[in-house]
Amino acid sequence: MLALLLAALAWHAPARAADAAFTQFLASLWPQAQAAGVSRETFERETRGLEPDYKLPDLVLSGRPATGASAQAEFVQVPANYVKESTIARLAAEGQRLMQKHRAALDHIESRFGVPAPMVLALWGRETDYGRYTSPHDTLRVVATQAYVGRRKEQYRDEFIFALKILDDGVVTRKDFRSSWAGATGLTQFLPSEYYKHGVDLDGDGRVDIWHSVPDALASAAKQLADKGWQPGVRWAYEVRAPANADCTLGVPEVQRPIGEWQRAGFAPVQRLSAAEQAQPASLLQPEGNYGPSFLTTKNYFVIKQYNFSDLYVLFVGHLSDRMVNPQRFATPWTASTQLRTKSVEAMQKHLAGLGLYTDKIDGKAGMLTRAALGAYQKSAGLKVDCWPSEAVLQSMGAAR
């Protein structure tokens, strides 16, 4: 019995020590908070008894691998599951209703920021299901934990200070200050720093309230897009039918051509385009490599990507915005049935990096650059070139080592 008790004490002692270190870490941030204008009263009140949440994704804990990538649906689901037709149809129908309900605010937003109503509503729909989804975490605890043991400590130290400032300014109560595991908060999911960069008081009540005021939240989302380079009157992307001999390794942001040039190379737009649209520069996007739908993406695609870096996220938001005004589904169906898990994609990225084919982050996320590098590997290895991270290609890399 004594042995069990001693074992239990030994198990809990590191946690207590870590939490004491966490308290000291928070105290060390007071000068930065003070410089940002946070009162001592708010700092002490909000940090008193604050504990880290070691169950969050994206942490680097001593003796354990970094966590979190596998929890992000954008990077582990096949497109058909992420951009699910039943979900898109439901959100599009609801978006049409909300477009009428909030017409005055949306018209004001579009005239001021150049972002059309369907796009703003699509962000709201994807982020919080038009406000029906309640974020599960205490924002301050999240950003404090990420600042302490996250993979992006410096960024989250700033987010922690901005979170304290939000509470000090009294724009939201701690109870309502809920967020995702990454600290995104409000109806349209802003990081605390983004609240101060892009927040808009559209309803004119004297404060920016992205948690309860739909006009404020939608206007703030539109301003964020505008601040990041949104081009009024330009679509986010055009679906095209790719030729049978399409080179999927061209699907990177750096390869930009006028849409008309892509057309002459055999990429046929699903819809008729004007001369002005054909002149627009665009990049090729093939989320399933040579399988599934293909798109020519404009600058606005990459502006949305700054809101959330995932290609599937942008695809969801862009398609949802289209469906609010046009019932047309994707012309080409999705075909992939499985997606490699994060660790397998990481192994693939490391192998590609070792060959000099991949120079981006080793993060287990099969985005544009990973798919293009994979296609280059398939070319060099004499494999079928489809730019899709399959188990067969992973096994080929294993055999090559």
Protein backbone atom coordinates (compact mmCIF):
# COMPACT_ATOMS: atom_id res chain seq x y z
CA MET A 1 0.00 0.00 0.00
CA LEU A 2 2.85 2.38 0.91
CA ALA A 3 4.55 1.58 -2.40
CA LEU A 4 1.38 2.48 -4.29
CA LEU A 5 1.10 5.77 -2.39
CA LEU A 6 4.72 6.68 -3.12
CA ALA A 7 4.22 5.82 -6.78
CA ALA A 8 1.16 8.05 -6.93
CA LEU A 9 3.05 10.93 -5.35
CA ALA A 10 5.92 10.47 -7.79
CA TRP A 11 3.43 10.51 -10.70
CA HIS A 12 1.82 13.78 -9.63
CA ALA A 13 4.96 15.62 -8.50
CA PRO A 14 6.15 16.58 -12.04
CA ALA A 15 2.69 17.95 -12.84
CA ARG A 16 2.74 20.14 -9.72
CA ALA A 17 6.26 21.33 -10.56
CA ALA A 18 5.23 22.08 -14.13
CA ASP A 19 2.22 24.06 -12.95
CA ALA A 20 4.40 26.07 -10.57
CA ALA A 21 6.67 26.83 -13.50
CA PHE A 22 3.59 27.81 -15.50
CA THR A 23 2.60 30.29 -12.78
CA GLN A 24 6.09 31.77 -12.87
CA PHE A 25 5.90 31.96 -16.65
CA LEU A 26 2.63 33.92 -16.48
CA ALA A 27 4.11 36.30 -13.92
CA SER A 28 7.04 36.95 -16.26
CA LEU A 29 4.60 38.31 -18.87
CA TRP A 30 3.37 41.16 -16.67
CA PRO A 31 5.78 43.78 -18.10
CA GLN A 32 4.55 43.00 -21.62
CA ALA A 33 0.93 43.18 -20.49
CA GLN A 34 1.57 46.45 -18.68
CA ALA A 35 3.17 47.92 -21.82
CA ALA A 36 0.04 46.93 -23.76
CA GLY A 37 -2.13 48.88 -21.33
CA VAL A 38 -3.51 45.98 -19.28
CA SER A 39 -4.25 46.97 -15.69
CA ARG A 40 -2.57 45.17 -12.81
CA GLU A 41 -5.99 44.38 -11.38
CA THR A 42 -7.09 42.60 -14.56
CA PHE A 43 -3.80 40.75 -14.90
CA GLU A 44 -3.93 39.39 -11.35
CA ARG A 45 -7.65 38.60 -11.46
CA GLU A 46 -7.51 36.71 -14.76
CA THR A 47 -4.28 34.79 -14.13
CA ARG A 48 -5.07 33.85 -10.51
CA GLY A 49 -5.51 30.07 -10.41
CA LEU A 50 -5.04 29.72 -14.17
CA GLU A 51 -3.88 26.21 -15.05
CA PRO A 52 -2.41 24.94 -18.33
CA ASP A 53 -4.45 22.54 -20.47
CA TYR A 54 -2.05 19.80 -21.52
CA LYS A 55 -4.77 18.04 -23.53
CA LEU A 56 -4.74 20.70 -26.25
CA PRO A 57 -3.35 19.85 -29.68
CA ASP A 58 -0.17 21.42 -31.08
CA LEU A 59 1.83 21.21 -27.84
CA VAL A 60 5.42 20.14 -27.36
CA LEU A 61 5.63 18.41 -23.99
CA SER A 62 8.91 17.13 -22.60
CA GLY A 63 9.43 13.48 -23.43
CA ARG A 64 6.45 13.39 -25.80
CA PRO A 65 6.09 14.15 -29.52
CA ALA A 66 4.33 17.30 -30.69
CA THR A 67 0.59 16.81 -30.63
CA GLY A 68 -2.35 18.05 -32.59
CA ALA A 69 -1.96 17.66 -36.33
CA SER A 70 -4.11 14.55 -36.41
CA ALA A 71 -6.98 16.47 -34.78
CA GLN A 72 -7.35 18.90 -37.68
CA ALA A 73 -10.05 17.66 -40.04
CA GLU A 74 -8.75 19.87 -42.86
CA PHE A 75 -5.62 17.75 -43.10
CA VAL A 76 -6.77 14.17 -42.42
CA GLN A 77 -10.14 13.92 -44.18
CA VAL A 78 -10.53 13.18 -47.87
CA PRO A 79 -12.20 16.10 -49.72
CA ALA A 80 -15.54 14.32 -50.15
CA ASN A 81 -15.86 14.01 -46.37
CA TYR A 82 -14.70 17.53 -45.59
CA VAL A 83 -16.67 19.31 -48.34
CA LYS A 84 -19.68 17.10 -47.65
CA GLU A 85 -22.59 17.72 -49.99
CA SER A 86 -25.29 17.38 -47.34
CA THR A 87 -23.49 19.93 -45.14
CA ILE A 88 -22.94 22.35 -48.02
CA ALA A 89 -26.60 22.12 -49.08
CA ARG A 90 -27.84 22.75 -45.53
CA LEU A 91 -25.54 25.70 -44.92
CA ALA A 92 -26.31 27.19 -48.35
CA ALA A 93 -30.06 27.10 -47.67
CA GLU A 94 -29.56 28.69 -44.26
CA GLY A 95 -27.20 31.25 -45.78
CA GLN A 96 -29.88 32.31 -48.28
CA ARG A 97 -32.28 32.92 -45.39
CA LEU A 98 -29.69 34.87 -43.41
CA MET A 99 -28.83 36.92 -46.48
CA GLN A 100 -32.34 38.32 -46.44
CA LYS A 101 -32.42 38.74 -42.66
CA HIS A 102 -29.16 40.72 -42.58
CA ARG A 103 -29.49 42.37 -45.99
CA ALA A 104 -28.92 45.94 -44.77
CA ALA A 105 -25.73 45.04 -42.88
CA LEU A 106 -24.43 42.89 -45.72
CA ASP A 107 -25.04 45.62 -48.30
CA HIS A 108 -23.14 48.05 -46.07
CA ILE A 109 -20.31 45.55 -45.69
CA GLU A 110 -19.99 44.95 -49.42
CA SER A 111 -20.01 48.65 -50.28
CA ARG A 112 -17.40 49.38 -47.60
CA PHE A 113 -15.04 46.41 -47.97
CA GLY A 114 -15.82 44.95 -51.40
CA VAL A 115 -16.51 41.46 -50.05
CA PRO A 116 -19.80 39.98 -51.32
CA ALA A 117 -22.48 38.84 -48.89
CA PRO A 118 -22.28 35.10 -49.77
CA MET A 119 -18.55 35.01 -49.03
CA VAL A 120 -18.94 36.69 -45.64
CA LEU A 121 -21.83 34.39 -44.73
CA ALA A 122 -19.85 31.34 -45.88
CA LEU A 123 -17.06 32.20 -43.42
CA TRP A 124 -19.62 32.48 -40.63
CA GLY A 125 -21.26 29.21 -41.66
CA ARG A 126 -18.00 27.29 -41.81
CA GLU A 127 -16.55 28.71 -38.60
CA THR A 128 -19.47 28.38 -36.17
CA ASP A 129 -22.45 27.02 -38.14
CA TYR A 130 -23.95 30.54 -38.13
CA GLY A 131 -23.45 30.83 -34.39
CA ARG A 132 -24.97 27.49 -33.42
CA TYR A 133 -21.57 26.02 -32.52
CA THR A 134 -20.19 27.05 -29.14
CA SER A 135 -16.41 27.02 -28.87
CA PRO A 136 -15.39 24.53 -26.15
CA HIS A 137 -12.37 26.18 -24.53
CA ASP A 138 -11.56 29.10 -22.25
CA THR A 139 -9.64 31.45 -24.56
CA LEU A 140 -7.24 32.77 -21.94
CA ARG A 141 -6.31 29.26 -20.82
CA VAL A 142 -5.75 28.18 -24.42
CA VAL A 143 -3.45 31.03 -25.42
CA ALA A 144 -1.57 30.83 -22.11
CA THR A 145 -0.96 27.10 -22.61
CA GLN A 146 0.09 27.55 -26.23
CA ALA A 147 2.44 30.36 -25.17
CA TYR A 148 3.96 28.08 -22.53
CA VAL A 149 4.35 24.74 -24.33
CA GLY A 150 2.95 25.24 -27.84
CA ARG A 151 4.86 24.95 -31.09
CA ARG A 152 4.45 28.69 -31.73
CA LYS A 153 5.32 30.16 -28.33
CA GLU A 154 6.27 33.65 -29.48
CA GLN A 155 3.07 34.13 -31.43
CA TYR A 156 0.92 32.97 -28.54
CA ARG A 157 2.65 35.17 -25.99
CA ASP A 158 1.31 38.08 -28.02
CA GLU A 159 -2.11 36.42 -28.26
CA PHE A 160 -2.15 35.99 -24.48
CA ILE A 161 -1.46 39.70 -24.01
CA PHE A 162 -4.19 40.64 -26.49
CA ALA A 163 -6.60 38.25 -24.75
CA LEU A 164 -5.92 40.00 -21.44
CA LYS A 165 -6.46 43.36 -23.15
CA ILE A 166 -9.83 42.21 -24.49
CA LEU A 167 -10.88 41.32 -20.94
CA ASP A 168 -9.41 44.54 -19.55
CA ASP A 169 -11.35 46.57 -22.13
CA GLY A 170 -14.54 44.86 -20.98
CA VAL A 171 -15.81 43.98 -24.45
CA VAL A 172 -16.62 40.38 -23.46
CA THR A 173 -16.87 38.51 -20.17
CA ARG A 174 -14.51 35.67 -19.33
CA LYS A 175 -17.53 33.33 -19.40
CA ASP A 176 -18.34 34.24 -23.01
CA PHE A 177 -14.70 34.42 -24.08
CA ARG A 178 -14.66 30.90 -25.57
CA SER A 179 -12.40 29.63 -28.33
CA SER A 180 -11.13 26.75 -30.41
CA TRP A 181 -8.05 24.80 -29.30
CA ALA A 182 -5.98 27.34 -31.24
CA GLY A 183 -7.49 30.39 -29.54
CA ALA A 184 -9.87 31.52 -32.32
CA THR A 185 -12.91 33.19 -30.78
CA GLY A 186 -16.23 34.78 -31.74
CA LEU A 187 -18.85 34.11 -34.41
CA THR A 188 -16.26 34.31 -37.19
CA GLN A 189 -13.32 32.96 -35.16
CA PHE A 190 -10.66 35.62 -34.68
CA LEU A 191 -7.43 35.30 -32.76
CA PRO A 192 -7.26 37.98 -30.03
CA SER A 193 -4.72 40.00 -32.03
CA GLU A 194 -6.99 39.91 -35.10
CA TYR A 195 -9.77 41.43 -33.02
CA TYR A 196 -7.71 44.59 -32.64
CA LYS A 197 -6.38 44.56 -36.22
CA HIS A 198 -9.65 43.99 -38.05
CA GLY A 199 -12.53 44.54 -35.62
CA VAL A 200 -15.42 46.73 -36.83
CA ASP A 201 -18.28 48.28 -34.85
CA LEU A 202 -20.88 48.06 -37.62
CA ASP A 203 -23.96 48.21 -35.40
CA GLY A 204 -22.80 51.52 -33.92
CA ASP A 205 -23.14 50.66 -30.24
CA GLY A 206 -19.66 51.93 -29.42
CA ARG A 207 -17.84 48.61 -29.13
CA VAL A 208 -16.66 45.80 -31.40
CA ASP A 209 -18.57 42.68 -30.35
CA ILE A 210 -17.74 39.66 -32.53
CA TRP A 211 -19.33 37.29 -29.98
CA HIS A 212 -22.92 38.55 -29.98
CA SER A 213 -23.34 41.13 -32.75
CA VAL A 214 -23.78 39.53 -36.18
CA PRO A 215 -23.16 42.85 -38.03
CA ASP A 216 -19.91 43.40 -36.10
CA ALA A 217 -18.71 39.83 -36.64
CA LEU A 218 -19.48 39.80 -40.38
CA ALA A 219 -17.99 43.26 -40.95
CA SER A 220 -14.86 42.28 -39.04
CA ALA A 221 -14.47 39.14 -41.19
CA ALA A 222 -14.88 41.22 -44.35
CA LYS A 223 -12.34 43.79 -43.14
CA GLN A 224 -9.86 41.01 -42.40
CA LEU A 225 -10.18 39.78 -46.00
CA ALA A 226 -9.94 43.34 -47.34
CA ASP A 227 -6.88 44.10 -45.19
CA LYS A 228 -5.21 40.97 -46.56
CA GLY A 229 -5.71 41.98 -50.18
CA TRP A 230 -9.22 41.01 -51.26
CA GLN A 231 -9.96 42.14 -54.82
CA PRO A 232 -13.59 43.24 -55.31
CA GLY A 233 -15.35 41.70 -58.29
CA VAL A 234 -12.95 38.75 -58.58
CA ARG A 235 -14.09 35.17 -57.96
CA TRP A 236 -12.20 32.94 -55.55
CA ALA A 237 -11.70 30.18 -58.16
CA TYR A 238 -13.09 28.56 -61.31
CA GLU A 239 -13.73 24.85 -61.60
CA VAL A 240 -12.20 23.36 -64.75
CA ARG A 241 -12.10 19.97 -66.43
CA ALA A 242 -8.45 19.00 -66.61
CA PRO A 243 -7.04 17.32 -69.74
CA ALA A 244 -6.06 13.66 -69.51
CA ASN A 245 -2.37 14.54 -69.75
CA ALA A 246 -2.49 17.28 -67.07
CA ASP A 247 0.79 17.74 -65.19
CA CYS A 248 -0.28 17.85 -61.53
CA THR A 249 3.16 19.13 -60.48
CA LEU A 250 2.12 22.53 -61.87
CA GLY A 251 -0.37 22.88 -59.00
CA VAL A 252 1.66 25.36 -56.92
CA PRO A 253 1.05 29.07 -56.24
CA GLU A 254 4.24 30.08 -58.05
CA VAL A 255 2.93 28.79 -61.40
CA GLN A 256 0.53 31.53 -62.47
CA ARG A 257 -0.88 31.94 -65.95
CA PRO A 258 -3.79 33.88 -67.44
CA ILE A 259 -6.91 31.71 -67.33
CA GLY A 260 -7.11 31.93 -71.13
CA GLU A 261 -3.68 30.32 -71.36
CA TRP A 262 -4.79 27.48 -69.10
CA GLN A 263 -7.80 27.08 -71.38
CA ARG A 264 -5.60 26.77 -74.45
CA ALA A 265 -3.63 24.08 -72.61
CA GLY A 266 -6.81 22.03 -72.28
CA PHE A 267 -8.22 23.13 -68.90
CA ALA A 268 -11.87 23.72 -69.79
CA PRO A 269 -13.87 25.99 -67.44
CA VAL A 270 -17.18 24.57 -66.28
CA GLN A 271 -18.85 27.94 -66.91
CA ARG A 272 -18.50 30.46 -69.71
CA LEU A 273 -15.95 33.17 -68.89
CA SER A 274 -15.76 36.76 -70.03
CA ALA A 275 -12.68 38.20 -71.72
CA ALA A 276 -11.78 39.98 -68.47
CA GLU A 277 -11.99 36.71 -66.53
CA GLN A 278 -9.85 34.91 -69.10
CA ALA A 279 -7.18 37.55 -68.62
CA GLN A 280 -6.98 37.00 -64.86
CA PRO A 281 -3.85 35.24 -63.55
CA ALA A 282 -4.59 31.96 -61.82
CA SER A 283 -2.89 28.93 -60.27
CA LEU A 284 -3.89 25.31 -60.68
CA LEU A 285 -5.40 23.52 -57.67
CA GLN A 286 -6.05 19.77 -57.70
CA PRO A 287 -6.97 18.78 -54.12
CA GLU A 288 -6.96 15.07 -55.05
CA GLY A 289 -4.05 15.26 -57.44
CA ASN A 290 -5.14 14.00 -60.85
CA TYR A 291 -8.36 12.69 -59.34
CA GLY A 292 -11.48 14.66 -58.47
CA PRO A 293 -12.25 18.29 -59.36
CA SER A 294 -9.65 20.78 -60.58
CA PHE A 295 -9.70 24.54 -60.09
CA LEU A 296 -7.99 27.67 -61.33
CA THR A 297 -7.49 29.83 -58.25
CA THR A 298 -7.32 33.63 -58.23
CA LYS A 299 -5.60 35.98 -55.80
CA ASN A 300 -8.75 35.95 -53.65
CA TYR A 301 -8.31 32.21 -53.09
CA PHE A 302 -5.02 32.94 -51.36
CA VAL A 303 -6.57 35.80 -49.39
CA ILE A 304 -9.10 33.34 -47.92
CA LYS A 305 -6.21 30.98 -47.27
CA GLN A 306 -4.76 33.58 -44.92
CA TYR A 307 -7.95 33.18 -42.86
CA ASN A 308 -7.28 29.43 -42.65
CA PHE A 309 -4.28 27.84 -44.37
CA SER A 310 -6.02 24.64 -45.48
CA ASP A 311 -6.90 24.21 -49.15
CA LEU A 312 -9.97 22.22 -48.15
CA TYR A 313 -11.11 25.05 -45.87
CA VAL A 314 -10.91 27.54 -48.74
CA LEU A 315 -12.63 25.08 -51.04
CA PHE A 316 -15.46 24.64 -48.51
CA VAL A 317 -15.95 28.38 -47.99
CA GLY A 318 -15.67 29.23 -51.67
CA HIS A 319 -18.06 26.50 -52.80
CA LEU A 320 -20.52 27.34 -50.03
CA SER A 321 -20.55 30.99 -51.12
CA ASP A 322 -21.24 29.89 -54.71
CA ARG A 323 -24.07 27.60 -53.66
CA MET A 324 -25.93 30.43 -51.99
CA VAL A 325 -26.53 31.92 -55.46
CA ASN A 326 -26.25 28.85 -57.73
CA PRO A 327 -27.40 25.28 -56.91
CA GLN A 328 -24.73 23.72 -59.16
CA ARG A 329 -22.56 21.07 -57.48
CA PHE A 330 -18.98 20.34 -58.48
CA ALA A 331 -18.97 19.17 -62.09
CA THR A 332 -16.38 16.46 -61.38
CA PRO A 333 -17.02 14.11 -58.43
CA TRP A 334 -14.52 13.39 -55.66
CA THR A 335 -12.97 9.93 -55.90
CA ALA A 336 -10.39 9.45 -53.11
CA SER A 337 -11.56 7.11 -50.38
CA THR A 338 -8.59 7.21 -48.00
CA GLN A 339 -6.10 9.80 -46.77
CA LEU A 340 -2.73 8.98 -45.21
CA ARG A 341 -2.46 9.77 -41.53
CA THR A 342 -0.30 12.63 -40.31
CA LYS A 343 2.74 10.52 -39.36
CA SER A 344 2.78 8.90 -42.79
CA VAL A 345 2.62 12.27 -44.55
CA GLU A 346 5.43 13.53 -42.30
CA ALA A 347 7.55 10.53 -43.29
CA MET A 348 6.80 11.26 -46.93
CA GLN A 349 7.75 14.94 -46.51
CA LYS A 350 11.03 14.01 -44.82
CA HIS A 351 11.91 11.66 -47.67
CA LEU A 352 11.02 14.30 -50.27
CA ALA A 353 13.07 16.89 -48.37
CA GLY A 354 16.04 14.53 -48.27
CA LEU A 355 15.85 14.29 -52.06
CA GLY A 356 15.73 18.08 -52.39
CA LEU A 357 12.18 18.00 -53.78
CA TYR A 358 10.46 19.62 -50.79
CA THR A 359 11.60 22.66 -48.82
CA ASP A 360 8.48 23.60 -46.84
CA LYS A 361 7.52 22.63 -43.27
CA ILE A 362 7.52 19.01 -42.12
CA ASP A 363 4.02 19.12 -40.66
CA GLY A 364 2.16 16.04 -41.87
CA LYS A 365 -0.23 18.12 -43.97
CA ALA A 366 -0.58 17.17 -47.63
CA GLY A 367 -1.06 20.64 -49.10
CA MET A 368 -0.21 22.10 -52.50
CA LEU A 369 3.57 22.01 -52.11
CA THR A 370 3.61 18.47 -50.72
CA ARG A 371 1.44 17.19 -53.57
CA ALA A 372 3.63 18.87 -56.21
CA ALA A 373 6.82 17.49 -54.62
CA LEU A 374 5.21 14.07 -54.51
CA GLY A 375 4.47 14.32 -58.23
CA ALA A 376 8.10 15.23 -58.91
CA TYR A 377 9.18 12.16 -56.93
CA GLN A 378 6.77 9.96 -58.89
CA LYS A 379 8.32 11.26 -62.13
CA SER A 380 11.86 10.53 -60.95
CA ALA A 381 10.93 7.07 -59.64
CA GLY A 382 9.10 6.03 -62.81
CA LEU A 383 5.78 5.77 -60.98
CA LYS A 384 2.34 6.82 -62.11
CA VAL A 385 2.24 10.61 -61.66
CA ASP A 386 -0.94 11.58 -59.82
CA CYS A 387 0.32 13.80 -56.93
CA TRP A 388 -1.76 11.88 -54.41
CA PRO A 389 -0.14 10.69 -51.13
CA SER A 390 -1.03 7.00 -51.22
CA GLU A 391 0.23 4.03 -49.23
CA ALA A 392 1.76 2.60 -52.42
CA VAL A 393 3.96 5.69 -52.89
CA LEU A 394 4.94 5.65 -49.22
CA GLN A 395 6.00 2.00 -49.59
CA SER A 396 8.01 2.90 -52.68
CA MET A 397 9.86 5.54 -50.64
CA GLY A 398 10.51 2.97 -47.94
CA ALA A 399 12.00 0.58 -50.46
CA ALA A 400 14.21 3.38 -51.80
CA ARG A 401 15.80 4.04 -48.39
